[in-house]
């Protein structure tokens, strides 16, 4: 099964929020809710050796997705073929069990529809051979989409340009996040942040 995800090149990201806005517009996400969010990290360190960077966060497409494991109705599932973690709104009962199960706090509750929602990697666009809205809208060219198991995908090609030391993931709690971040010493030191402060 494919390991589709988004690769974010932090060295290029300007923190412009275009990805966050494009996601809301494309998916008609309610006011005050974000499926994709740019979080500013830092400053870390001591002057003059300090790190401050933009960290876009979204569903990390975990290989061992805890949201799928805890869902009592099977509404949270992995799509055949693409491997994208999705939510079947018809099966979701709005119990919100999956929200605290996510280590990255990227699931949200839609009270009007009584369902949990999250980033879908724009699977409807992907099915048509298009890129996710956030990738298409990135003015800095910092976002790449594709299957990490396909060396010819945009995501894999971008990762191949960098050493392993420059490739990062959000803190692994046993869920094995697939999403990757590229950050070299040019931008400072990558930080394993315990609290992403998504709802702050």
N, C-alpha and C. Protein backbone atom coordinates (compact mmCIF):
# COMPACT_ATOMS: atom_id res chain seq x y z
N UNK A 1 0.84 -1.20 0.00
CA UNK A 1 0.00 0.00 0.00
C UNK A 1 0.88 1.25 0.00
N UNK A 2 0.45 2.26 -0.69
CA UNK A 2 1.21 3.51 -0.80
C UNK A 2 1.34 4.20 0.55
N UNK A 3 2.42 4.97 0.68
CA UNK A 3 2.62 5.81 1.86
C UNK A 3 2.60 7.27 1.40
N UNK A 4 1.42 7.73 1.02
CA UNK A 4 1.28 9.10 0.58
C UNK A 4 1.35 10.06 1.75
N UNK A 5 2.04 11.15 1.54
CA UNK A 5 2.16 12.16 2.59
C UNK A 5 2.62 13.47 1.97
N UNK A 6 2.76 14.46 2.81
CA UNK A 6 3.31 15.74 2.40
C UNK A 6 4.69 15.88 3.03
N UNK A 7 5.64 16.31 2.23
CA UNK A 7 6.97 16.65 2.71
C UNK A 7 7.06 18.17 2.74
N UNK A 8 7.47 18.72 3.87
CA UNK A 8 7.60 20.17 4.01
C UNK A 8 9.07 20.54 4.16
N UNK A 9 9.54 21.40 3.30
CA UNK A 9 10.91 21.88 3.39
C UNK A 9 10.92 23.15 4.24
N UNK A 10 11.29 23.01 5.51
CA UNK A 10 11.29 24.13 6.44
C UNK A 10 12.24 25.24 6.00
N UNK A 11 13.32 24.86 5.34
CA UNK A 11 14.28 25.86 4.86
C UNK A 11 13.63 26.84 3.90
N UNK A 12 12.61 26.38 3.19
CA UNK A 12 11.93 27.23 2.21
C UNK A 12 10.68 27.91 2.78
N UNK A 13 10.08 27.32 3.80
CA UNK A 13 8.81 27.82 4.32
C UNK A 13 8.99 29.21 4.92
N UNK A 14 8.13 30.15 4.49
CA UNK A 14 8.20 31.52 4.98
C UNK A 14 7.17 31.83 6.05
N UNK A 15 6.32 30.84 6.36
CA UNK A 15 5.28 31.07 7.35
C UNK A 15 4.21 32.02 6.85
N UNK A 16 3.91 31.96 5.57
CA UNK A 16 2.95 32.91 4.97
C UNK A 16 1.50 32.53 5.19
N UNK A 17 1.24 31.30 5.64
CA UNK A 17 -0.11 30.78 5.92
C UNK A 17 -0.94 30.49 4.68
N UNK A 18 -0.35 30.54 3.49
CA UNK A 18 -1.11 30.24 2.28
C UNK A 18 -1.69 28.83 2.31
N UNK A 19 -0.91 27.88 2.82
CA UNK A 19 -1.37 26.49 2.89
C UNK A 19 -2.58 26.37 3.82
N UNK A 20 -2.54 27.06 4.93
CA UNK A 20 -3.63 27.03 5.90
C UNK A 20 -4.90 27.62 5.30
N UNK A 21 -4.75 28.73 4.60
CA UNK A 21 -5.90 29.40 3.98
C UNK A 21 -6.47 28.57 2.84
N UNK A 22 -5.58 28.01 2.01
CA UNK A 22 -6.04 27.20 0.88
C UNK A 22 -6.81 25.98 1.36
N UNK A 23 -6.35 25.38 2.44
CA UNK A 23 -7.02 24.21 3.01
C UNK A 23 -8.43 24.57 3.47
N UNK A 24 -8.55 25.69 4.17
CA UNK A 24 -9.87 26.13 4.66
C UNK A 24 -10.82 26.42 3.50
N UNK A 25 -10.30 27.10 2.47
CA UNK A 25 -11.14 27.47 1.33
C UNK A 25 -11.59 26.25 0.54
N UNK A 26 -10.66 25.34 0.29
CA UNK A 26 -10.99 24.17 -0.53
C UNK A 26 -11.96 23.24 0.19
N UNK A 27 -11.78 23.07 1.49
CA UNK A 27 -12.58 22.10 2.26
C UNK A 27 -13.73 22.72 3.02
N UNK A 28 -13.92 24.03 2.87
CA UNK A 28 -15.02 24.74 3.54
C UNK A 28 -14.99 24.47 5.05
N UNK A 29 -13.79 24.64 5.62
CA UNK A 29 -13.59 24.39 7.05
C UNK A 29 -14.16 25.55 7.86
N UNK A 30 -14.87 25.24 8.93
CA UNK A 30 -15.55 26.25 9.75
C UNK A 30 -14.59 27.27 10.33
N UNK A 31 -15.11 28.45 10.61
CA UNK A 31 -14.35 29.51 11.24
C UNK A 31 -13.83 29.04 12.60
N UNK A 32 -12.56 29.31 12.87
CA UNK A 32 -11.95 28.92 14.14
C UNK A 32 -11.38 27.52 14.14
N UNK A 33 -11.56 26.79 13.04
CA UNK A 33 -11.05 25.42 12.92
C UNK A 33 -10.04 25.37 11.79
N UNK A 34 -8.98 24.58 11.97
CA UNK A 34 -7.98 24.41 10.93
C UNK A 34 -7.60 22.95 10.80
N UNK A 35 -7.62 22.42 9.59
CA UNK A 35 -7.13 21.07 9.35
C UNK A 35 -5.63 21.12 9.10
N UNK A 36 -5.17 22.24 8.64
CA UNK A 36 -3.75 22.48 8.37
C UNK A 36 -3.41 23.78 9.08
N UNK A 37 -2.35 23.77 9.86
CA UNK A 37 -2.03 24.97 10.62
C UNK A 37 -0.53 25.21 10.67
N UNK A 38 -0.16 26.46 10.50
CA UNK A 38 1.25 26.84 10.57
C UNK A 38 1.52 27.34 11.99
N UNK A 39 2.41 26.65 12.68
CA UNK A 39 2.76 27.00 14.06
C UNK A 39 4.18 27.55 14.09
N UNK A 40 4.37 28.67 14.73
CA UNK A 40 5.70 29.25 14.85
C UNK A 40 6.41 28.61 16.03
N UNK A 41 7.60 28.11 15.79
CA UNK A 41 8.38 27.41 16.81
C UNK A 41 9.57 28.26 17.26
N UNK A 42 9.69 28.43 18.58
CA UNK A 42 10.83 29.17 19.10
C UNK A 42 10.44 30.53 19.65
N UNK A 43 11.42 31.34 19.94
CA UNK A 43 12.85 31.07 19.70
C UNK A 43 13.44 30.08 20.70
N UNK A 44 14.40 29.28 20.19
CA UNK A 44 15.14 28.32 21.00
C UNK A 44 16.61 28.72 21.01
N UNK A 45 17.32 28.36 22.05
CA UNK A 45 18.76 28.60 22.11
C UNK A 45 19.12 29.92 22.77
N UNK A 46 20.39 30.25 22.66
CA UNK A 46 20.92 31.48 23.25
C UNK A 46 21.48 32.36 22.14
N UNK A 47 21.25 33.64 22.26
CA UNK A 47 21.76 34.58 21.27
C UNK A 47 23.29 34.50 21.20
N UNK A 48 23.89 34.48 20.02
CA UNK A 48 23.27 34.66 18.69
C UNK A 48 22.88 33.35 18.01
N UNK A 49 23.04 32.22 18.71
CA UNK A 49 22.70 30.92 18.12
C UNK A 49 21.28 30.54 18.48
N UNK A 50 20.34 31.11 17.76
CA UNK A 50 18.93 30.90 18.08
C UNK A 50 18.18 30.33 16.87
N UNK A 51 17.10 29.62 17.15
CA UNK A 51 16.29 29.00 16.12
C UNK A 51 14.85 29.47 16.25
N UNK A 52 14.28 29.87 15.13
CA UNK A 52 12.87 30.28 15.08
C UNK A 52 12.36 29.91 13.70
N UNK A 53 11.34 29.07 13.62
CA UNK A 53 10.89 28.63 12.30
C UNK A 53 9.40 28.32 12.28
N UNK A 54 8.86 28.30 11.06
CA UNK A 54 7.45 27.96 10.86
C UNK A 54 7.34 26.45 10.70
N UNK A 55 6.35 25.86 11.38
CA UNK A 55 6.13 24.41 11.32
C UNK A 55 4.69 24.13 10.89
N UNK A 56 4.46 23.87 9.61
CA UNK A 56 3.11 23.51 9.17
C UNK A 56 2.74 22.13 9.71
N UNK A 57 1.56 21.99 10.27
CA UNK A 57 1.12 20.70 10.81
C UNK A 57 -0.21 20.31 10.19
N UNK A 58 -0.37 19.03 10.00
CA UNK A 58 -1.59 18.46 9.45
C UNK A 58 -1.60 16.99 9.83
N UNK A 59 -2.58 16.22 9.39
CA UNK A 59 -2.57 14.78 9.66
C UNK A 59 -1.25 14.21 9.18
N UNK A 60 -0.59 13.45 10.05
CA UNK A 60 0.73 12.92 9.75
C UNK A 60 0.70 11.55 9.06
N UNK A 61 -0.50 11.07 8.73
CA UNK A 61 -0.66 9.82 7.99
C UNK A 61 0.10 8.66 8.64
N UNK A 62 -0.08 8.50 9.94
CA UNK A 62 0.66 7.52 10.73
C UNK A 62 0.50 6.09 10.20
N UNK A 63 1.60 5.35 10.21
CA UNK A 63 1.54 3.95 9.81
C UNK A 63 0.76 3.13 10.82
N UNK A 64 0.91 3.46 12.10
CA UNK A 64 0.16 2.79 13.17
C UNK A 64 -0.81 3.81 13.75
N UNK A 65 -1.77 4.21 12.95
CA UNK A 65 -2.66 5.32 13.31
C UNK A 65 -3.53 4.99 14.52
N UNK A 66 -3.30 5.67 15.66
CA UNK A 66 -4.10 5.39 16.86
C UNK A 66 -5.56 5.79 16.69
N UNK A 67 -5.83 6.75 15.81
CA UNK A 67 -7.22 7.16 15.58
C UNK A 67 -8.04 6.02 14.99
N UNK A 68 -7.40 5.23 14.14
CA UNK A 68 -8.09 4.08 13.55
C UNK A 68 -8.31 3.00 14.61
N UNK A 69 -7.30 2.80 15.45
CA UNK A 69 -7.38 1.75 16.47
C UNK A 69 -8.50 1.99 17.48
N UNK A 70 -8.74 3.27 17.84
CA UNK A 70 -9.71 3.54 18.91
C UNK A 70 -11.12 3.80 18.40
N UNK A 71 -11.29 4.00 17.11
CA UNK A 71 -12.62 4.32 16.57
C UNK A 71 -13.57 3.14 16.75
N UNK A 72 -14.68 3.35 17.47
CA UNK A 72 -15.57 2.23 17.77
C UNK A 72 -16.46 1.79 16.59
N UNK A 73 -16.56 2.62 15.56
CA UNK A 73 -17.45 2.28 14.45
C UNK A 73 -16.73 1.98 13.14
N UNK A 74 -15.41 2.16 13.14
CA UNK A 74 -14.68 1.96 11.90
C UNK A 74 -14.74 3.16 10.98
N UNK A 75 -15.21 4.29 11.51
CA UNK A 75 -15.31 5.50 10.69
C UNK A 75 -13.93 6.01 10.30
N UNK A 76 -12.97 5.85 11.18
CA UNK A 76 -11.59 6.21 10.86
C UNK A 76 -10.97 4.99 10.18
N UNK A 77 -10.44 5.21 8.98
CA UNK A 77 -9.92 4.08 8.22
C UNK A 77 -8.81 4.53 7.27
N UNK A 78 -8.11 3.57 6.71
CA UNK A 78 -7.07 3.84 5.73
C UNK A 78 -7.60 3.45 4.35
N UNK A 79 -7.55 4.39 3.42
CA UNK A 79 -8.09 4.15 2.09
C UNK A 79 -7.25 3.13 1.32
N UNK A 80 -7.92 2.17 0.72
CA UNK A 80 -7.22 1.17 -0.10
C UNK A 80 -6.49 1.87 -1.23
N UNK A 81 -5.32 1.41 -1.54
CA UNK A 81 -4.56 1.95 -2.65
C UNK A 81 -3.72 3.15 -2.27
N UNK A 82 -4.35 4.24 -1.85
CA UNK A 82 -3.60 5.46 -1.54
C UNK A 82 -2.97 5.41 -0.16
N UNK A 83 -3.56 4.62 0.75
CA UNK A 83 -3.06 4.55 2.12
C UNK A 83 -3.40 5.78 2.96
N UNK A 84 -4.21 6.69 2.42
CA UNK A 84 -4.55 7.92 3.14
C UNK A 84 -5.53 7.63 4.27
N UNK A 85 -5.26 8.17 5.45
CA UNK A 85 -6.14 8.02 6.60
C UNK A 85 -7.32 8.98 6.44
N UNK A 86 -8.52 8.43 6.48
CA UNK A 86 -9.73 9.23 6.24
C UNK A 86 -10.78 8.97 7.31
N UNK A 87 -11.88 9.71 7.21
CA UNK A 87 -13.02 9.53 8.11
C UNK A 87 -14.28 9.36 7.28
N UNK A 88 -15.01 8.29 7.53
CA UNK A 88 -16.29 8.06 6.88
C UNK A 88 -17.36 8.79 7.70
N UNK A 89 -17.82 9.92 7.19
CA UNK A 89 -18.76 10.74 7.95
C UNK A 89 -20.07 10.00 8.22
N UNK A 90 -20.46 9.11 7.33
CA UNK A 90 -21.70 8.36 7.54
C UNK A 90 -21.57 7.38 8.70
N UNK A 91 -20.36 6.91 8.96
CA UNK A 91 -20.13 5.95 10.05
C UNK A 91 -19.74 6.64 11.35
N UNK A 92 -19.31 7.91 11.26
CA UNK A 92 -18.88 8.63 12.46
C UNK A 92 -20.08 9.01 13.32
N UNK A 93 -20.00 8.72 14.61
CA UNK A 93 -21.09 9.04 15.54
C UNK A 93 -20.77 10.26 16.41
N UNK A 94 -19.64 10.92 16.11
CA UNK A 94 -19.28 12.13 16.85
C UNK A 94 -18.86 11.89 18.27
N UNK A 95 -18.39 10.69 18.58
CA UNK A 95 -18.01 10.38 19.97
C UNK A 95 -16.70 11.05 20.37
N UNK A 96 -15.90 11.44 19.38
CA UNK A 96 -14.65 12.17 19.58
C UNK A 96 -13.55 11.35 20.28
N UNK A 97 -13.72 10.04 20.32
CA UNK A 97 -12.70 9.19 20.93
C UNK A 97 -11.35 9.33 20.24
N UNK A 98 -11.39 9.58 18.95
CA UNK A 98 -10.16 9.66 18.17
C UNK A 98 -9.37 10.94 18.41
N UNK A 99 -10.04 11.99 18.88
CA UNK A 99 -9.36 13.29 19.03
C UNK A 99 -8.21 13.22 20.04
N UNK A 100 -8.43 12.74 21.27
CA UNK A 100 -7.29 12.66 22.20
C UNK A 100 -6.30 11.55 21.83
N UNK A 101 -6.73 10.62 20.99
CA UNK A 101 -5.83 9.54 20.59
C UNK A 101 -4.74 10.04 19.64
N UNK A 102 -5.02 11.12 18.92
CA UNK A 102 -4.05 11.66 17.98
C UNK A 102 -2.94 12.38 18.73
N UNK A 103 -1.68 11.97 18.56
CA UNK A 103 -0.57 12.60 19.28
C UNK A 103 -0.31 14.05 18.87
N UNK A 104 -0.89 14.46 17.72
CA UNK A 104 -0.57 15.78 17.18
C UNK A 104 -1.74 16.75 17.22
N UNK A 105 -2.85 16.32 17.81
CA UNK A 105 -4.00 17.20 18.01
C UNK A 105 -4.46 17.84 16.71
N UNK A 106 -4.56 17.05 15.64
CA UNK A 106 -4.95 17.61 14.35
C UNK A 106 -6.33 17.16 13.89
N UNK A 107 -7.09 16.58 14.81
CA UNK A 107 -8.48 16.23 14.49
C UNK A 107 -9.40 17.24 15.17
N UNK A 108 -10.49 17.59 14.50
CA UNK A 108 -11.40 18.60 15.03
C UNK A 108 -12.83 18.07 14.99
N UNK A 109 -13.65 18.62 15.86
CA UNK A 109 -15.05 18.21 15.94
C UNK A 109 -15.95 19.25 15.30
N UNK A 110 -16.79 18.81 14.37
CA UNK A 110 -17.77 19.68 13.72
C UNK A 110 -19.11 19.44 14.40
N UNK A 111 -19.48 20.37 15.29
CA UNK A 111 -20.71 20.18 16.07
C UNK A 111 -21.97 20.26 15.21
N UNK A 112 -21.93 21.02 14.15
CA UNK A 112 -23.10 21.15 13.28
C UNK A 112 -23.41 19.83 12.57
N UNK A 113 -22.37 19.10 12.20
CA UNK A 113 -22.55 17.82 11.51
C UNK A 113 -22.40 16.63 12.44
N UNK A 114 -21.95 16.87 13.69
CA UNK A 114 -21.69 15.83 14.67
C UNK A 114 -20.74 14.77 14.13
N UNK A 115 -19.65 15.25 13.54
CA UNK A 115 -18.62 14.35 13.03
C UNK A 115 -17.25 14.94 13.34
N UNK A 116 -16.27 14.08 13.37
CA UNK A 116 -14.88 14.52 13.50
C UNK A 116 -14.33 14.70 12.08
N UNK A 117 -13.50 15.72 11.92
CA UNK A 117 -12.92 16.03 10.62
C UNK A 117 -11.41 16.21 10.74
N UNK A 118 -10.73 16.16 9.60
CA UNK A 118 -9.28 16.38 9.58
C UNK A 118 -8.81 16.50 8.14
N UNK A 119 -7.52 16.75 7.99
CA UNK A 119 -6.89 16.78 6.68
C UNK A 119 -7.09 15.44 5.97
N UNK A 120 -7.48 15.51 4.70
CA UNK A 120 -7.68 14.30 3.89
C UNK A 120 -6.63 14.17 2.80
N UNK A 121 -5.61 15.04 2.84
CA UNK A 121 -4.64 15.16 1.75
C UNK A 121 -5.35 15.45 0.43
N UNK A 122 -6.55 16.06 0.56
CA UNK A 122 -7.37 16.37 -0.63
C UNK A 122 -7.48 15.13 -1.52
N UNK A 123 -7.88 14.01 -0.91
CA UNK A 123 -7.92 12.74 -1.64
C UNK A 123 -8.82 12.80 -2.87
N UNK A 124 -9.80 13.70 -2.88
CA UNK A 124 -10.64 13.85 -4.07
C UNK A 124 -9.85 14.44 -5.23
N UNK A 125 -8.94 15.38 -4.93
CA UNK A 125 -8.09 15.93 -5.97
C UNK A 125 -7.03 14.92 -6.40
N UNK A 126 -6.47 14.23 -5.43
CA UNK A 126 -5.44 13.22 -5.71
C UNK A 126 -6.00 12.14 -6.63
N UNK A 127 -7.26 11.77 -6.42
CA UNK A 127 -7.90 10.75 -7.25
C UNK A 127 -7.98 11.18 -8.71
N UNK A 128 -7.96 12.49 -8.94
CA UNK A 128 -8.02 13.03 -10.31
C UNK A 128 -6.63 13.37 -10.85
N UNK A 129 -5.60 12.99 -10.09
CA UNK A 129 -4.24 13.25 -10.54
C UNK A 129 -3.75 14.65 -10.21
N UNK A 130 -4.46 15.35 -9.34
CA UNK A 130 -4.07 16.70 -8.96
C UNK A 130 -3.34 16.67 -7.61
N UNK A 131 -2.75 17.81 -7.26
CA UNK A 131 -2.06 17.95 -5.98
C UNK A 131 -3.01 18.48 -4.92
N UNK A 132 -2.74 18.18 -3.64
CA UNK A 132 -3.52 18.79 -2.55
C UNK A 132 -3.48 20.31 -2.65
N UNK A 133 -4.54 20.96 -2.21
CA UNK A 133 -4.66 22.42 -2.31
C UNK A 133 -3.50 23.14 -1.63
N UNK A 134 -3.06 22.63 -0.49
CA UNK A 134 -1.97 23.29 0.24
C UNK A 134 -0.67 23.25 -0.55
N UNK A 135 -0.45 22.17 -1.28
CA UNK A 135 0.77 22.03 -2.08
C UNK A 135 0.72 23.00 -3.26
N UNK A 136 -0.44 23.05 -3.92
CA UNK A 136 -0.61 23.93 -5.08
C UNK A 136 -0.47 25.40 -4.70
N UNK A 137 -0.85 25.74 -3.48
CA UNK A 137 -0.89 27.15 -3.08
C UNK A 137 0.41 27.65 -2.46
N UNK A 138 1.36 26.75 -2.19
CA UNK A 138 2.58 27.15 -1.48
C UNK A 138 3.42 28.08 -2.33
N UNK A 139 3.46 29.34 -1.95
CA UNK A 139 4.16 30.36 -2.75
C UNK A 139 5.68 30.19 -2.71
N UNK A 140 6.18 29.51 -1.69
CA UNK A 140 7.62 29.33 -1.54
C UNK A 140 8.11 28.00 -2.13
N UNK A 141 7.18 27.17 -2.62
CA UNK A 141 7.56 25.87 -3.14
C UNK A 141 8.14 24.97 -2.07
N UNK A 142 7.55 25.05 -0.87
CA UNK A 142 8.08 24.31 0.28
C UNK A 142 7.36 22.99 0.54
N UNK A 143 6.29 22.73 -0.19
CA UNK A 143 5.49 21.53 0.08
C UNK A 143 5.52 20.59 -1.12
N UNK A 144 5.66 19.29 -0.82
CA UNK A 144 5.74 18.27 -1.86
C UNK A 144 4.84 17.11 -1.46
N UNK A 145 4.14 16.55 -2.43
CA UNK A 145 3.21 15.45 -2.16
C UNK A 145 3.63 14.21 -2.93
N UNK A 146 3.40 13.06 -2.33
CA UNK A 146 3.64 11.82 -3.06
C UNK A 146 3.82 10.62 -2.16
N UNK A 147 4.04 9.49 -2.81
CA UNK A 147 4.22 8.21 -2.13
C UNK A 147 5.70 8.04 -1.79
N UNK A 148 6.01 7.89 -0.52
CA UNK A 148 7.41 7.73 -0.11
C UNK A 148 8.02 6.43 -0.61
N UNK A 149 7.18 5.48 -1.01
CA UNK A 149 7.68 4.22 -1.55
C UNK A 149 7.92 4.29 -3.06
N UNK A 150 7.59 5.43 -3.64
CA UNK A 150 7.80 5.64 -5.08
C UNK A 150 8.94 6.64 -5.26
N UNK A 151 10.11 6.19 -5.67
CA UNK A 151 11.26 7.10 -5.81
C UNK A 151 11.05 8.19 -6.84
N UNK A 152 10.03 8.04 -7.69
CA UNK A 152 9.76 9.04 -8.71
C UNK A 152 8.72 10.08 -8.26
N UNK A 153 8.18 9.94 -7.06
CA UNK A 153 7.20 10.91 -6.58
C UNK A 153 7.91 12.21 -6.20
N UNK A 154 7.17 13.32 -6.24
CA UNK A 154 7.74 14.62 -5.87
C UNK A 154 8.31 14.59 -4.46
N UNK A 155 7.57 13.94 -3.55
CA UNK A 155 8.00 13.88 -2.15
C UNK A 155 9.33 13.14 -2.02
N UNK A 156 9.44 11.99 -2.67
CA UNK A 156 10.66 11.19 -2.60
C UNK A 156 11.84 11.91 -3.24
N UNK A 157 11.60 12.56 -4.36
CA UNK A 157 12.67 13.27 -5.06
C UNK A 157 13.23 14.42 -4.21
N UNK A 158 12.34 15.10 -3.49
CA UNK A 158 12.82 16.20 -2.64
C UNK A 158 13.63 15.66 -1.46
N UNK A 159 13.17 14.59 -0.85
CA UNK A 159 13.90 13.99 0.27
C UNK A 159 15.27 13.48 -0.17
N UNK A 160 15.35 12.99 -1.40
CA UNK A 160 16.60 12.41 -1.90
C UNK A 160 17.71 13.45 -2.02
N UNK A 161 17.36 14.72 -1.99
CA UNK A 161 18.35 15.79 -2.12
C UNK A 161 19.10 16.05 -0.81
N UNK A 162 18.62 15.47 0.29
CA UNK A 162 19.14 15.82 1.60
C UNK A 162 19.69 14.61 2.35
N UNK A 163 20.59 14.89 3.27
CA UNK A 163 21.13 13.85 4.14
C UNK A 163 20.08 13.45 5.17
N UNK A 164 20.21 12.24 5.71
CA UNK A 164 19.27 11.77 6.73
C UNK A 164 19.21 12.72 7.92
N UNK A 165 20.32 13.35 8.25
CA UNK A 165 20.36 14.25 9.41
C UNK A 165 19.48 15.48 9.22
N UNK A 166 19.13 15.77 7.98
CA UNK A 166 18.31 16.95 7.68
C UNK A 166 16.83 16.61 7.50
N UNK A 167 16.48 15.34 7.65
CA UNK A 167 15.10 14.90 7.46
C UNK A 167 14.52 14.53 8.83
N UNK A 168 13.36 15.09 9.12
CA UNK A 168 12.78 14.96 10.45
C UNK A 168 11.31 14.55 10.38
N UNK A 169 10.78 14.14 11.52
CA UNK A 169 9.36 13.84 11.67
C UNK A 169 8.92 14.35 13.03
N UNK A 170 7.63 14.57 13.19
CA UNK A 170 7.13 14.94 14.51
C UNK A 170 7.37 13.78 15.46
N UNK A 171 7.39 14.07 16.73
CA UNK A 171 7.74 13.09 17.75
C UNK A 171 6.91 11.82 17.60
N UNK A 172 7.59 10.69 17.54
CA UNK A 172 6.96 9.38 17.34
C UNK A 172 6.56 8.80 18.69
N UNK A 173 5.25 8.59 18.87
CA UNK A 173 4.73 8.00 20.11
C UNK A 173 4.37 6.53 19.89
N UNK A 174 5.05 5.92 18.93
CA UNK A 174 4.75 4.53 18.58
C UNK A 174 3.79 4.44 17.41
N UNK A 175 3.37 5.60 16.90
CA UNK A 175 2.41 5.67 15.81
C UNK A 175 3.07 5.75 14.43
N UNK A 176 4.37 5.99 14.40
CA UNK A 176 5.15 6.06 13.16
C UNK A 176 4.58 7.04 12.15
N UNK A 177 4.72 8.34 12.41
CA UNK A 177 4.22 9.34 11.45
C UNK A 177 4.97 9.23 10.12
N UNK A 178 4.25 9.38 9.02
CA UNK A 178 4.85 9.26 7.69
C UNK A 178 5.32 10.62 7.18
N UNK A 179 4.61 11.68 7.50
CA UNK A 179 4.96 13.02 7.04
C UNK A 179 6.40 13.36 7.42
N UNK A 180 7.11 13.99 6.49
CA UNK A 180 8.50 14.35 6.73
C UNK A 180 8.73 15.85 6.57
N UNK A 181 9.70 16.33 7.36
CA UNK A 181 10.11 17.73 7.32
C UNK A 181 11.59 17.80 7.02
N UNK A 182 11.96 18.68 6.13
CA UNK A 182 13.37 18.91 5.81
C UNK A 182 13.79 20.20 6.50
N UNK A 183 14.85 20.12 7.28
CA UNK A 183 15.37 21.30 7.95
C UNK A 183 16.87 21.13 8.14
N UNK A 184 17.65 21.99 7.50
CA UNK A 184 19.10 21.92 7.60
C UNK A 184 19.59 22.91 8.64
N UNK A 185 20.88 22.87 8.90
CA UNK A 185 21.49 23.79 9.87
C UNK A 185 21.30 25.24 9.45
N UNK A 186 21.03 25.47 8.16
CA UNK A 186 20.78 26.82 7.67
C UNK A 186 19.64 27.49 8.42
N UNK A 187 18.63 26.68 8.81
CA UNK A 187 17.47 27.21 9.51
C UNK A 187 17.56 27.05 11.02
N UNK A 188 18.59 26.36 11.50
CA UNK A 188 18.74 26.16 12.94
C UNK A 188 18.61 24.70 13.33
N UNK A 189 18.27 24.47 14.58
CA UNK A 189 18.16 23.11 15.11
C UNK A 189 16.71 22.68 15.18
N UNK A 190 16.43 21.51 14.63
CA UNK A 190 15.08 20.93 14.71
C UNK A 190 14.77 20.63 16.18
N UNK A 191 13.54 20.92 16.58
CA UNK A 191 13.13 20.70 17.96
C UNK A 191 12.01 19.65 18.03
N UNK A 192 12.15 18.67 18.92
CA UNK A 192 11.07 17.72 19.18
C UNK A 192 10.11 18.36 20.17
N UNK A 193 9.06 18.95 19.65
CA UNK A 193 8.12 19.69 20.49
C UNK A 193 7.07 18.74 21.05
N UNK A 194 6.88 18.75 22.36
CA UNK A 194 5.90 17.87 23.00
C UNK A 194 4.48 18.40 22.83
N UNK A 195 4.31 19.72 22.89
CA UNK A 195 2.97 20.31 22.81
C UNK A 195 2.91 21.21 21.60
N UNK A 196 2.15 20.78 20.58
CA UNK A 196 2.04 21.58 19.37
C UNK A 196 1.08 22.76 19.55
N UNK A 197 0.32 22.76 20.65
CA UNK A 197 -0.55 23.89 20.94
C UNK A 197 -1.58 24.15 19.86
N UNK A 198 -2.10 23.07 19.25
CA UNK A 198 -2.98 23.21 18.10
C UNK A 198 -4.22 24.06 18.41
N UNK A 199 -4.79 23.84 19.57
CA UNK A 199 -6.03 24.54 19.89
C UNK A 199 -5.78 25.81 20.72
N UNK A 200 -4.51 26.20 20.86
CA UNK A 200 -4.20 27.38 21.65
C UNK A 200 -4.68 28.65 20.97
